[in-house]
């Protein structure tokens, strides 16, 4: 999923829906620097705990959907105080 590295250059992007793309942890890593995002849907992408913890650094997110990924308690912990999120299996 190296193609995703180009998305990180879109500094003004605020909403991104990449659901059902199977990007996995490697592809998702490219998105962790997109600090302008306010809405991010990464449902059904085979994302695990390690990358889920990185996404918690996106401070401007008001909506995050990580449903149907491989995230357990360690990956969900940083989101326990988030305003609007969806985590599940």
Foldseek 3Di string as FASTA:
>chain_A
DCVLLVVLVCQQDAEDEPDPVQCEQVSLVSVLNNLNYQEYEHAPHQYEQVSLQSNLPSVNHLEYEHEHYHYDDNSCVSCPPHNYYHYYD
